[in-house]
Amino acid sequence: MSNIPFQTIDWTAIERIEYPGETGVAFWQTVQLEGLRIRLVEYSKDYLADHWCQKGHIVYCLEGEFISELSTGEKIKLTKGQTYVVSDELSSHRSVSTDGVKLLIIDGDFLKNK
């Protein structure tokens, strides 16, 4: 990862891209830096991810709540103000949202499993 100079992000100027889930949709606004991705992500009501993810993340719940399902069957509920952290390839997880949620998600090379 390279050095990142001081900068601000105007989220109103970042394109909002729609990604369909198995049910519902996700909207991503993404800032990509070398070795670092920062996203504002919104899941619609009745959202279920269309895949199991093994990528590491830092996920902060800004509004609402959602469930992170693990392939082990465990279900972890995150509500506003809560965070989860996981490194790459240490879990298979997918998101489920009943009423919609807004998240700040950070991932990148620093989360690679060593």
PDB file of N, CA and C in Angstrom:
ATOM      1  N   MET A   1       0.846  -1.166   0.000  1.00  0.00           N
ATOM      2  CA  MET A   1       0.000   0.000   0.000  1.00  0.00           C
ATOM      3  C   MET A   1       0.897   1.237   0.000  1.00  0.00           C
ATOM      4  N   SER A   2       0.524   2.216  -0.782  1.00  0.00           N
ATOM      5  CA  SER A   2       1.323   3.432  -0.861  1.00  0.00           C
ATOM      6  C   SER A   2       0.882   4.440   0.198  1.00  0.00           C
ATOM      7  N   ASN A   3       1.668   5.490   0.339  1.00  0.00           N
ATOM      8  CA  ASN A   3       1.286   6.571   1.234  1.00  0.00           C
ATOM      9  C   ASN A   3       0.099   7.307   0.637  1.00  0.00           C
ATOM     10  N   ILE A   4      -0.847   7.650   1.465  1.00  0.00           N
ATOM     11  CA  ILE A   4      -2.050   8.356   1.013  1.00  0.00           C
ATOM     12  C   ILE A   4      -1.995   9.765   1.562  1.00  0.00           C
ATOM     13  N   PRO A   5      -1.934  10.756   0.675  1.00  0.00           N
ATOM     14  CA  PRO A   5      -1.906  12.135   1.156  1.00  0.00           C
ATOM     15  C   PRO A   5      -3.249  12.519   1.766  1.00  0.00           C
ATOM     16  N   PHE A   6      -3.243  13.543   2.600  1.00  0.00           N
ATOM     17  CA  PHE A   6      -4.485  14.040   3.193  1.00  0.00           C
ATOM     18  C   PHE A   6      -5.453  14.400   2.082  1.00  0.00           C
ATOM     19  N   GLN A   7      -6.678  13.939   2.222  1.00  0.00           N
ATOM     20  CA  GLN A   7      -7.710  14.260   1.233  1.00  0.00           C
ATOM     21  C   GLN A   7      -9.076  14.072   1.850  1.00  0.00           C
ATOM     22  N   THR A   8     -10.050  14.692   1.237  1.00  0.00           N
ATOM     23  CA  THR A   8     -11.434  14.517   1.672  1.00  0.00           C
ATOM     24  C   THR A   8     -12.178  13.748   0.585  1.00  0.00           C
ATOM     25  N   ILE A   9     -13.280  13.165   0.969  1.00  0.00           N
ATOM     26  CA  ILE A   9     -14.131  12.450   0.016  1.00  0.00           C
ATOM     27  C   ILE A   9     -15.504  13.105   0.050  1.00  0.00           C
ATOM     28  N   ASP A  10     -15.931  13.615  -1.079  1.00  0.00           N
ATOM     29  CA  ASP A  10     -17.272  14.168  -1.218  1.00  0.00           C
ATOM     30  C   ASP A  10     -18.159  13.055  -1.778  1.00  0.00           C
ATOM     31  N   TRP A  11     -18.849  12.348  -0.888  1.00  0.00           N
ATOM     32  CA  TRP A  11     -19.645  11.201  -1.313  1.00  0.00           C
ATOM     33  C   TRP A  11     -20.753  11.600  -2.283  1.00  0.00           C
ATOM     34  N   THR A  12     -21.190  12.847  -2.256  1.00  0.00           N
ATOM     35  CA  THR A  12     -22.235  13.275  -3.195  1.00  0.00           C
ATOM     36  C   THR A  12     -21.709  13.305  -4.631  1.00  0.00           C
ATOM     37  N   ALA A  13     -20.390  13.323  -4.801  1.00  0.00           N
ATOM     38  CA  ALA A  13     -19.796  13.359  -6.142  1.00  0.00           C
ATOM     39  C   ALA A  13     -19.379  11.967  -6.633  1.00  0.00           C
ATOM     40  N   ILE A  14     -19.553  10.941  -5.808  1.00  0.00           N
ATOM     41  CA  ILE A  14     -19.146   9.581  -6.167  1.00  0.00           C
ATOM     42  C   ILE A  14     -20.338   8.842  -6.779  1.00  0.00           C
ATOM     43  N   GLU A  15     -20.115   8.256  -7.953  1.00  0.00           N
ATOM     44  CA  GLU A  15     -21.179   7.528  -8.654  1.00  0.00           C
ATOM     45  C   GLU A  15     -21.745   6.410  -7.780  1.00  0.00           C
ATOM     46  N   ARG A  16     -23.053   6.266  -7.818  1.00  0.00           N
ATOM     47  CA  ARG A  16     -23.775   5.236  -7.064  1.00  0.00           C
ATOM     48  C   ARG A  16     -24.144   4.123  -8.047  1.00  0.00           C
ATOM     49  N   ILE A  17     -23.549   2.942  -7.853  1.00  0.00           N
ATOM     50  CA  ILE A  17     -23.757   1.830  -8.782  1.00  0.00           C
ATOM     51  C   ILE A  17     -24.617   0.759  -8.123  1.00  0.00           C
ATOM     52  N   GLU A  18     -25.585   0.258  -8.875  1.00  0.00           N
ATOM     53  CA  GLU A  18     -26.524  -0.745  -8.376  1.00  0.00           C
ATOM     54  C   GLU A  18     -26.027  -2.150  -8.702  1.00  0.00           C
ATOM     55  N   TYR A  19     -26.066  -3.023  -7.677  1.00  0.00           N
ATOM     56  CA  TYR A  19     -25.710  -4.421  -7.847  1.00  0.00           C
ATOM     57  C   TYR A  19     -26.872  -5.268  -7.336  1.00  0.00           C
ATOM     58  N   PRO A  20     -27.480  -6.079  -8.197  1.00  0.00           N
ATOM     59  CA  PRO A  20     -28.590  -6.916  -7.736  1.00  0.00           C
ATOM     60  C   PRO A  20     -28.104  -8.010  -6.803  1.00  0.00           C
ATOM     61  N   GLY A  21     -28.896  -8.281  -5.779  1.00  0.00           N
ATOM     62  CA  GLY A  21     -28.630  -9.405  -4.897  1.00  0.00           C
ATOM     63  C   GLY A  21     -29.459 -10.588  -5.357  1.00  0.00           C
ATOM     64  N   GLU A  22     -29.406 -11.662  -4.579  1.00  0.00           N
ATOM     65  CA  GLU A  22     -30.319 -12.778  -4.850  1.00  0.00           C
ATOM     66  C   GLU A  22     -31.752 -12.252  -4.727  1.00  0.00           C
ATOM     67  N   THR A  23     -31.956 -11.410  -3.706  1.00  0.00           N
ATOM     68  CA  THR A  23     -33.173 -10.606  -3.599  1.00  0.00           C
ATOM     69  C   THR A  23     -32.723  -9.193  -3.230  1.00  0.00           C
ATOM     70  N   GLY A  24     -33.484  -8.204  -3.622  1.00  0.00           N
ATOM     71  CA  GLY A  24     -33.143  -6.823  -3.324  1.00  0.00           C
ATOM     72  C   GLY A  24     -31.930  -6.351  -4.113  1.00  0.00           C
ATOM     73  N   VAL A  25     -31.452  -5.150  -3.773  1.00  0.00           N
ATOM     74  CA  VAL A  25     -30.298  -4.569  -4.467  1.00  0.00           C
ATOM     75  C   VAL A  25     -29.345  -3.925  -3.469  1.00  0.00           C
ATOM     76  N   ALA A  26     -28.093  -3.810  -3.894  1.00  0.00           N
ATOM     77  CA  ALA A  26     -27.079  -3.073  -3.147  1.00  0.00           C
ATOM     78  C   ALA A  26     -26.651  -1.897  -4.004  1.00  0.00           C
ATOM     79  N   PHE A  27     -26.400  -0.763  -3.370  1.00  0.00           N
ATOM     80  CA  PHE A  27     -25.878   0.415  -4.046  1.00  0.00           C
ATOM     81  C   PHE A  27     -24.507   0.708  -3.459  1.00  0.00           C
ATOM     82  N   TRP A  28     -23.498   0.793  -4.318  1.00  0.00           N
ATOM     83  CA  TRP A  28     -22.125   1.049  -3.879  1.00  0.00           C
ATOM     84  C   TRP A  28     -21.658   2.394  -4.397  1.00  0.00           C
ATOM     85  N   GLN A  29     -20.984   3.122  -3.536  1.00  0.00           N
ATOM     86  CA  GLN A  29     -20.191   4.286  -3.926  1.00  0.00           C
ATOM     87  C   GLN A  29     -18.777   3.950  -3.506  1.00  0.00           C
ATOM     88  N   THR A  30     -17.846   3.920  -4.455  1.00  0.00           N
ATOM     89  CA  THR A  30     -16.522   3.371  -4.204  1.00  0.00           C
ATOM     90  C   THR A  30     -15.414   4.372  -4.486  1.00  0.00           C
ATOM     91  N   VAL A  31     -14.493   4.461  -3.544  1.00  0.00           N
ATOM     92  CA  VAL A  31     -13.242   5.191  -3.740  1.00  0.00           C
ATOM     93  C   VAL A  31     -12.142   4.142  -3.729  1.00  0.00           C
ATOM     94  N   GLN A  32     -11.413   4.042  -4.838  1.00  0.00           N
ATOM     95  CA  GLN A  32     -10.343   3.053  -4.952  1.00  0.00           C
ATOM     96  C   GLN A  32      -8.997   3.758  -4.936  1.00  0.00           C
ATOM     97  N   LEU A  33      -8.186   3.407  -3.954  1.00  0.00           N
ATOM     98  CA  LEU A  33      -6.814   3.891  -3.851  1.00  0.00           C
ATOM     99  C   LEU A  33      -5.896   2.677  -3.983  1.00  0.00           C
ATOM    100  N   GLU A  34      -4.614   2.891  -4.131  1.00  0.00           N
ATOM    101  CA  GLU A  34      -3.715   1.761  -4.271  1.00  0.00           C
ATOM    102  C   GLU A  34      -3.738   0.909  -3.001  1.00  0.00           C
ATOM    103  N   GLY A  35      -4.226  -0.336  -3.144  1.00  0.00           N
ATOM    104  CA  GLY A  35      -4.254  -1.260  -2.022  1.00  0.00           C
ATOM    105  C   GLY A  35      -5.340  -0.996  -0.993  1.00  0.00           C
ATOM    106  N   LEU A  36      -6.263  -0.080  -1.302  1.00  0.00           N
ATOM    107  CA  LEU A  36      -7.305   0.292  -0.335  1.00  0.00           C
ATOM    108  C   LEU A  36      -8.586   0.655  -1.065  1.00  0.00           C
ATOM    109  N   ARG A  37      -9.707   0.083  -0.624  1.00  0.00           N
ATOM    110  CA  ARG A  37     -11.013   0.407  -1.184  1.00  0.00           C
ATOM    111  C   ARG A  37     -11.909   0.872  -0.043  1.00  0.00           C
ATOM    112  N   ILE A  38     -12.561   2.008  -0.246  1.00  0.00           N
ATOM    113  CA  ILE A  38     -13.483   2.583   0.739  1.00  0.00           C
ATOM    114  C   ILE A  38     -14.832   2.698   0.060  1.00  0.00           C
ATOM    115  N   ARG A  39     -15.880   2.152   0.689  1.00  0.00           N
ATOM    116  CA  ARG A  39     -17.209   2.168   0.063  1.00  0.00           C
ATOM    117  C   ARG A  39     -18.285   2.601   1.045  1.00  0.00           C
ATOM    118  N   LEU A  40     -19.234   3.366   0.530  1.00  0.00           N
ATOM    119  CA  LEU A  40     -20.529   3.533   1.187  1.00  0.00           C
ATOM    120  C   LEU A  40     -21.445   2.556   0.478  1.00  0.00           C
ATOM    121  N   VAL A  41     -22.074   1.671   1.238  1.00  0.00           N
ATOM    122  CA  VAL A  41     -22.922   0.633   0.657  1.00  0.00           C
ATOM    123  C   VAL A  41     -24.288   0.690   1.323  1.00  0.00           C
ATOM    124  N   GLU A  42     -25.317   0.650   0.503  1.00  0.00           N
ATOM    125  CA  GLU A  42     -26.684   0.574   1.012  1.00  0.00           C
ATOM    126  C   GLU A  42     -27.329  -0.692   0.480  1.00  0.00           C
ATOM    127  N   TYR A  43     -27.962  -1.445   1.387  1.00  0.00           N
ATOM    128  CA  TYR A  43     -28.749  -2.602   0.992  1.00  0.00           C
ATOM    129  C   TYR A  43     -30.218  -2.226   1.100  1.00  0.00           C
ATOM    130  N   SER A  44     -30.987  -2.614   0.094  1.00  0.00           N
ATOM    131  CA  SER A  44     -32.420  -2.334   0.096  1.00  0.00           C
ATOM    132  C   SER A  44     -33.125  -3.242   1.103  1.00  0.00           C
ATOM    133  N   LYS A  45     -34.404  -2.999   1.273  1.00  0.00           N
ATOM    134  CA  LYS A  45     -35.234  -3.922   2.052  1.00  0.00           C
ATOM    135  C   LYS A  45     -35.175  -5.286   1.386  1.00  0.00           C
ATOM    136  N   ASP A  46     -35.262  -6.314   2.197  1.00  0.00           N
ATOM    137  CA  ASP A  46     -35.281  -7.699   1.717  1.00  0.00           C
ATOM    138  C   ASP A  46     -34.074  -8.048   0.847  1.00  0.00           C
ATOM    139  N   TYR A  47     -32.896  -7.537   1.223  1.00  0.00           N
ATOM    140  CA  TYR A  47     -31.667  -7.825   0.480  1.00  0.00           C
ATOM    141  C   TYR A  47     -31.039  -9.123   0.976  1.00  0.00           C
ATOM    142  N   LEU A  48     -30.618  -9.946   0.026  1.00  0.00           N
ATOM    143  CA  LEU A  48     -29.815 -11.128   0.304  1.00  0.00           C
ATOM    144  C   LEU A  48     -28.705 -11.154  -0.736  1.00  0.00           C
ATOM    145  N   ALA A  49     -27.463 -11.169  -0.289  1.00  0.00           N
ATOM    146  CA  ALA A  49     -26.318 -11.188  -1.210  1.00  0.00           C
ATOM    147  C   ALA A  49     -26.412 -12.396  -2.132  1.00  0.00           C
ATOM    148  N   ASP A  50     -25.936 -12.211  -3.361  1.00  0.00           N
ATOM    149  CA  ASP A  50     -26.006 -13.288  -4.341  1.00  0.00           C
ATOM    150  C   ASP A  50     -24.767 -14.186  -4.328  1.00  0.00           C
ATOM    151  N   HIS A  51     -23.908 -14.014  -3.326  1.00  0.00           N
ATOM    152  CA  HIS A  51     -22.682 -14.821  -3.249  1.00  0.00           C
ATOM    153  C   HIS A  51     -22.184 -14.866  -1.803  1.00  0.00           C
ATOM    154  N   TRP A  52     -21.341 -15.854  -1.542  1.00  0.00           N
ATOM    155  CA  TRP A  52     -20.611 -15.937  -0.275  1.00  0.00           C
ATOM    156  C   TRP A  52     -19.274 -15.257  -0.497  1.00  0.00           C
ATOM    157  N   CYS A  53     -18.899 -14.375   0.393  1.00  0.00           N
ATOM    158  CA  CYS A  53     -17.678 -13.587   0.253  1.00  0.00           C
ATOM    159  C   CYS A  53     -16.607 -14.111   1.205  1.00  0.00           C
ATOM    160  N   GLN A  54     -15.370 -14.179   0.728  1.00  0.00           N
ATOM    161  CA  GLN A  54     -14.257 -14.587   1.581  1.00  0.00           C
ATOM    162  C   GLN A  54     -13.244 -13.461   1.759  1.00  0.00           C
ATOM    163  N   LYS A  55     -13.597 -12.281   1.258  1.00  0.00           N
ATOM    164  CA  LYS A  55     -12.714 -11.123   1.363  1.00  0.00           C
ATOM    165  C   LYS A  55     -12.788 -10.545   2.775  1.00  0.00           C
ATOM    166  N   GLY A  56     -11.679  -9.990   3.226  1.00  0.00           N
ATOM    167  CA  GLY A  56     -11.656  -9.323   4.521  1.00  0.00           C
ATOM    168  C   GLY A  56     -12.254  -7.929   4.425  1.00  0.00           C
ATOM    169  N   HIS A  57     -12.852  -7.482   5.506  1.00  0.00           N
ATOM    170  CA  HIS A  57     -13.481  -6.160   5.550  1.00  0.00           C
ATOM    171  C   HIS A  57     -13.408  -5.571   6.953  1.00  0.00           C
ATOM    172  N   ILE A  58     -13.526  -4.276   7.005  1.00  0.00           N
ATOM    173  CA  ILE A  58     -13.940  -3.562   8.203  1.00  0.00           C
ATOM    174  C   ILE A  58     -15.282  -2.972   7.828  1.00  0.00           C
ATOM    175  N   VAL A  59     -16.335  -3.369   8.525  1.00  0.00           N
ATOM    176  CA  VAL A  59     -17.695  -2.935   8.201  1.00  0.00           C
ATOM    177  C   VAL A  59     -18.255  -2.170   9.388  1.00  0.00           C
ATOM    178  N   TYR A  60     -18.652  -0.927   9.140  1.00  0.00           N
ATOM    179  CA  TYR A  60     -19.249  -0.075  10.171  1.00  0.00           C
ATOM    180  C   TYR A  60     -20.682   0.232   9.762  1.00  0.00           C
ATOM    181  N   CYS A  61     -21.623  -0.057  10.628  1.00  0.00           N
ATOM    182  CA  CYS A  61     -23.043   0.163  10.353  1.00  0.00           C
ATOM    183  C   CYS A  61     -23.405   1.610  10.683  1.00  0.00           C
ATOM    184  N   LEU A  62     -23.739   2.374   9.654  1.00  0.00           N
ATOM    185  CA  LEU A  62     -24.085   3.787   9.802  1.00  0.00           C
ATOM    186  C   LEU A  62     -25.557   3.995  10.162  1.00  0.00           C
ATOM    187  N   GLU A  63     -26.428   3.218   9.510  1.00  0.00           N
ATOM    188  CA  GLU A  63     -27.885   3.335   9.734  1.00  0.00           C
ATOM    189  C   GLU A  63     -28.516   1.969   9.564  1.00  0.00           C
ATOM    190  N   GLY A  64     -29.532   1.690  10.368  1.00  0.00           N
ATOM    191  CA  GLY A  64     -30.274   0.442  10.229  1.00  0.00           C
ATOM    192  C   GLY A  64     -29.557  -0.726  10.873  1.00  0.00           C
ATOM    193  N   GLU A  65     -29.854  -1.924  10.351  1.00  0.00           N
ATOM    194  CA  GLU A  65     -29.243  -3.142  10.855  1.00  0.00           C
ATOM    195  C   GLU A  65     -29.237  -4.193   9.761  1.00  0.00           C
ATOM    196  N   PHE A  66     -28.346  -5.173   9.923  1.00  0.00           N
ATOM    197  CA  PHE A  66     -28.292  -6.278   8.977  1.00  0.00           C
ATOM    198  C   PHE A  66     -27.699  -7.497   9.674  1.00  0.00           C
ATOM    199  N   ILE A  67     -27.809  -8.619   9.002  1.00  0.00           N
ATOM    200  CA  ILE A  67     -27.249  -9.871   9.497  1.00  0.00           C
ATOM    201  C   ILE A  67     -26.094 -10.260   8.583  1.00  0.00           C
ATOM    202  N   SER A  68     -24.985 -10.635   9.177  1.00  0.00           N
ATOM    203  CA  SER A  68     -23.896 -11.247   8.429  1.00  0.00           C
ATOM    204  C   SER A  68     -23.973 -12.737   8.717  1.00  0.00           C
ATOM    205  N   GLU A  69     -24.360 -13.492   7.688  1.00  0.00           N
ATOM    206  CA  GLU A  69     -24.454 -14.943   7.832  1.00  0.00           C
ATOM    207  C   GLU A  69     -23.094 -15.542   7.513  1.00  0.00           C
ATOM    208  N   LEU A  70     -22.641 -16.467   8.352  1.00  0.00           N
ATOM    209  CA  LEU A  70     -21.414 -17.192   8.093  1.00  0.00           C
ATOM    210  C   LEU A  70     -21.773 -18.567   7.527  1.00  0.00           C
ATOM    211  N   SER A  71     -20.896 -19.117   6.712  1.00  0.00           N
ATOM    212  CA  SER A  71     -21.163 -20.424   6.104  1.00  0.00           C
ATOM    213  C   SER A  71     -21.280 -21.525   7.158  1.00  0.00           C
ATOM    214  N   THR A  72     -20.810 -21.252   8.370  1.00  0.00           N
ATOM    215  CA  THR A  72     -20.934 -22.200   9.484  1.00  0.00           C
ATOM    216  C   THR A  72     -22.359 -22.271  10.026  1.00  0.00           C
ATOM    217  N   GLY A  73     -23.218 -21.331   9.572  1.00  0.00           N
ATOM    218  CA  GLY A  73     -24.585 -21.260  10.071  1.00  0.00           C
ATOM    219  C   GLY A  73     -24.787 -20.163  11.104  1.00  0.00           C
ATOM    220  N   GLU A  74     -23.686 -19.635  11.623  1.00  0.00           N
ATOM    221  CA  GLU A  74     -23.778 -18.549  12.605  1.00  0.00           C
ATOM    222  C   GLU A  74     -24.320 -17.291  11.930  1.00  0.00           C
ATOM    223  N   LYS A  75     -25.123 -16.532  12.667  1.00  0.00           N
ATOM    224  CA  LYS A  75     -25.686 -15.278  12.175  1.00  0.00           C
ATOM    225  C   LYS A  75     -25.346 -14.178  13.164  1.00  0.00           C
ATOM    226  N   ILE A  76     -24.675 -13.133  12.654  1.00  0.00           N
ATOM    227  CA  ILE A  76     -24.257 -12.023  13.504  1.00  0.00           C
ATOM    228  C   ILE A  76     -25.022 -10.781  13.082  1.00  0.00           C
ATOM    229  N   LYS A  77     -25.737 -10.201  14.039  1.00  0.00           N
ATOM    230  CA  LYS A  77     -26.525  -8.997  13.765  1.00  0.00           C
ATOM    231  C   LYS A  77     -25.688  -7.767  14.104  1.00  0.00           C
ATOM    232  N   LEU A  78     -25.618  -6.833  13.165  1.00  0.00           N
ATOM    233  CA  LEU A  78     -24.966  -5.548  13.408  1.00  0.00           C
ATOM    234  C   LEU A  78     -26.008  -4.449  13.306  1.00  0.00           C
ATOM    235  N   THR A  79     -25.976  -3.542  14.272  1.00  0.00           N
ATOM    236  CA  THR A  79     -26.878  -2.400  14.278  1.00  0.00           C
ATOM    237  C   THR A  79     -26.056  -1.113  14.237  1.00  0.00           C
ATOM    238  N   LYS A  80     -26.737  -0.005  14.077  1.00  0.00           N
ATOM    239  CA  LYS A  80     -26.085   1.300  13.989  1.00  0.00           C
ATOM    240  C   LYS A  80     -25.036   1.459  15.090  1.00  0.00           C
ATOM    241  N   GLY A  81     -23.820   1.854  14.663  1.00  0.00           N
ATOM    242  CA  GLY A  81     -22.739   2.073  15.614  1.00  0.00           C
ATOM    243  C   GLY A  81     -21.852   0.865  15.861  1.00  0.00           C
ATOM    244  N   GLN A  82     -22.197  -0.294  15.291  1.00  0.00           N
ATOM    245  CA  GLN A  82     -21.390  -1.492  15.488  1.00  0.00           C
ATOM    246  C   GLN A  82     -20.513  -1.768  14.268  1.00  0.00           C
ATOM    247  N   THR A  83     -19.440  -2.540  14.507  1.00  0.00           N
ATOM    248  CA  THR A  83     -18.457  -2.863  13.472  1.00  0.00           C
ATOM    249  C   THR A  83     -18.098  -4.333  13.541  1.00  0.00           C
ATOM    250  N   TYR A  84     -17.817  -4.921  12.380  1.00  0.00           N
ATOM    251  CA  TYR A  84     -17.116  -6.203  12.394  1.00  0.00           C
ATOM    252  C   TYR A  84     -15.855  -6.089  11.551  1.00  0.00           C
ATOM    253  N   VAL A  85     -14.863  -6.931  11.895  1.00  0.00           N
ATOM    254  CA  VAL A  85     -13.572  -6.951  11.214  1.00  0.00           C
ATOM    255  C   VAL A  85     -13.221  -8.404  10.947  1.00  0.00           C
ATOM    256  N   VAL A  86     -12.731  -8.698   9.737  1.00  0.00           N
ATOM    257  CA  VAL A  86     -12.260 -10.034   9.406  1.00  0.00           C
ATOM    258  C   VAL A  86     -11.202  -9.921   8.310  1.00  0.00           C
ATOM    259  N   SER A  87     -10.188 -10.779   8.364  1.00  0.00           N
ATOM    260  CA  SER A  87      -9.165 -10.820   7.330  1.00  0.00           C
ATOM    261  C   SER A  87      -9.625 -11.688   6.159  1.00  0.00           C
ATOM    262  N   ASP A  88      -8.961 -11.519   5.018  1.00  0.00           N
ATOM    263  CA  ASP A  88      -9.254 -12.322   3.832  1.00  0.00           C
ATOM    264  C   ASP A  88      -9.193 -13.810   4.160  1.00  0.00           C
ATOM    265  N   GLU A  89     -10.126 -14.557   3.592  1.00  0.00           N
ATOM    266  CA  GLU A  89     -10.146 -16.024   3.632  1.00  0.00           C
ATOM    267  C   GLU A  89     -10.274 -16.636   5.022  1.00  0.00           C
ATOM    268  N   LEU A  90     -10.736 -15.841   6.005  1.00  0.00           N
ATOM    269  CA  LEU A  90     -10.940 -16.410   7.345  1.00  0.00           C
ATOM    270  C   LEU A  90     -12.403 -16.702   7.638  1.00  0.00           C
ATOM    271  N   SER A  91     -13.293 -16.352   6.700  1.00  0.00           N
ATOM    272  CA  SER A  91     -14.699 -16.739   6.826  1.00  0.00           C
ATOM    273  C   SER A  91     -15.354 -16.632   5.468  1.00  0.00           C
ATOM    274  N   SER A  92     -16.416 -17.389   5.295  1.00  0.00           N
ATOM    275  CA  SER A  92     -17.324 -17.193   4.165  1.00  0.00           C
ATOM    276  C   SER A  92     -18.552 -16.537   4.760  1.00  0.00           C
ATOM    277  N   HIS A  93     -18.895 -15.365   4.260  1.00  0.00           N
ATOM    278  CA  HIS A  93     -19.998 -14.614   4.832  1.00  0.00           C
ATOM    279  C   HIS A  93     -20.819 -13.964   3.729  1.00  0.00           C
ATOM    280  N   ARG A  94     -22.073 -13.662   4.051  1.00  0.00           N
ATOM    281  CA  ARG A  94     -22.942 -12.922   3.140  1.00  0.00           C
ATOM    282  C   ARG A  94     -23.885 -12.079   3.970  1.00  0.00           C
ATOM    283  N   SER A  95     -24.360 -11.002   3.351  1.00  0.00           N
ATOM    284  CA  SER A  95     -25.203 -10.037   4.066  1.00  0.00           C
ATOM    285  C   SER A  95     -26.674 -10.253   3.758  1.00  0.00           C
ATOM    286  N   VAL A  96     -27.480 -10.006   4.793  1.00  0.00           N
ATOM    287  CA  VAL A  96     -28.936 -10.081   4.696  1.00  0.00           C
ATOM    288  C   VAL A  96     -29.494  -8.851   5.390  1.00  0.00           C
ATOM    289  N   SER A  97     -30.423  -8.169   4.728  1.00  0.00           N
ATOM    290  CA  SER A  97     -31.052  -6.992   5.337  1.00  0.00           C
ATOM    291  C   SER A  97     -32.551  -7.053   5.127  1.00  0.00           C
ATOM    292  N   THR A  98     -33.294  -6.993   6.211  1.00  0.00           N
ATOM    293  CA  THR A  98     -34.754  -7.025   6.135  1.00  0.00           C
ATOM    294  C   THR A  98     -35.322  -5.651   5.817  1.00  0.00           C
ATOM    295  N   ASP A  99     -34.823  -4.620   6.499  1.00  0.00           N
ATOM    296  CA  ASP A  99     -35.403  -3.283   6.371  1.00  0.00           C
ATOM    297  C   ASP A  99     -34.484  -2.273   5.692  1.00  0.00           C
ATOM    298  N   GLY A 100     -33.351  -2.716   5.189  1.00  0.00           N
ATOM    299  CA  GLY A 100     -32.385  -1.807   4.567  1.00  0.00           C
ATOM    300  C   GLY A 100     -31.344  -1.345   5.575  1.00  0.00           C
ATOM    301  N   VAL A 101     -30.164  -1.003   5.066  1.00  0.00           N
ATOM    302  CA  VAL A 101     -29.057  -0.614   5.935  1.00  0.00           C
ATOM    303  C   VAL A 101     -28.075   0.226   5.129  1.00  0.00           C
ATOM    304  N   LYS A 102     -27.311   1.069   5.821  1.00  0.00           N
ATOM    305  CA  LYS A 102     -26.250   1.856   5.199  1.00  0.00           C
ATOM    306  C   LYS A 102     -24.957   1.567   5.948  1.00  0.00           C
ATOM    307  N   LEU A 103     -23.901   1.207   5.184  1.00  0.00           N
ATOM    308  CA  LEU A 103     -22.642   0.758   5.764  1.00  0.00           C
ATOM    309  C   LEU A 103     -21.462   1.529   5.194  1.00  0.00           C
ATOM    310  N   LEU A 104     -20.414   1.656   5.981  1.00  0.00           N
ATOM    311  CA  LEU A 104     -19.106   2.090   5.512  1.00  0.00           C
ATOM    312  C   LEU A 104     -18.237   0.838   5.539  1.00  0.00           C
ATOM    313  N   ILE A 105     -17.688   0.462   4.368  1.00  0.00           N
ATOM    314  CA  ILE A 105     -16.899  -0.761   4.269  1.00  0.00           C
ATOM    315  C   ILE A 105     -15.505  -0.408   3.755  1.00  0.00           C
ATOM    316  N   ILE A 106     -14.496  -0.860   4.484  1.00  0.00           N
ATOM    317  CA  ILE A 106     -13.104  -0.615   4.114  1.00  0.00           C
ATOM    318  C   ILE A 106     -12.417  -1.963   3.962  1.00  0.00           C
ATOM    319  N   ASP A 107     -11.738  -2.149   2.847  1.00  0.00           N
ATOM    320  CA  ASP A 107     -10.960  -3.364   2.664  1.00  0.00           C
ATOM    321  C   ASP A 107      -9.726  -3.046   1.831  1.00  0.00           C
ATOM    322  N   GLY A 108      -8.820  -3.983   1.811  1.00  0.00           N
ATOM    323  CA  GLY A 108      -7.599  -3.761   1.053  1.00  0.00           C
ATOM    324  C   GLY A 108      -6.506  -4.733   1.422  1.00  0.00           C
ATOM    325  N   ASP A 109      -5.332  -4.438   0.894  1.00  0.00           N
ATOM    326  CA  ASP A 109      -4.185  -5.332   1.055  1.00  0.00           C
ATOM    327  C   ASP A 109      -3.825  -5.594   2.520  1.00  0.00           C
ATOM    328  N   PHE A 110      -4.105  -4.658   3.408  1.00  0.00           N
ATOM    329  CA  PHE A 110      -3.744  -4.820   4.823  1.00  0.00           C
ATOM    330  C   PHE A 110      -4.537  -5.922   5.496  1.00  0.00           C
ATOM    331  N   LEU A 111      -5.595  -6.440   4.858  1.00  0.00           N
ATOM    332  CA  LEU A 111      -6.412  -7.501   5.429  1.00  0.00           C
ATOM    333  C   LEU A 111      -6.073  -8.875   4.841  1.00  0.00           C
ATOM    334  N   LYS A 112      -5.024  -8.948   4.035  1.00  0.00           N
ATOM    335  CA  LYS A 112      -4.648 -10.245   3.460  1.00  0.00           C
ATOM    336  C   LYS A 112      -4.212 -11.192   4.570  1.00  0.00           C
ATOM    337  N   ASN A 113      -4.680 -12.431   4.452  1.00  0.00           N
ATOM    338  CA  ASN A 113      -4.339 -13.470   5.417  1.00  0.00           C
ATOM    339  C   ASN A 113      -2.874 -13.828   5.268  1.00  0.00           C
ATOM    340  N   LYS A 114      -2.138 -13.838   6.391  1.00  0.00           N
ATOM    341  CA  LYS A 114      -0.697 -14.132   6.337  1.00  0.00           C
ATOM    342  C   LYS A 114      -0.396 -15.476   6.911  1.00  0.00           C
TER     343      LYS A 114
END
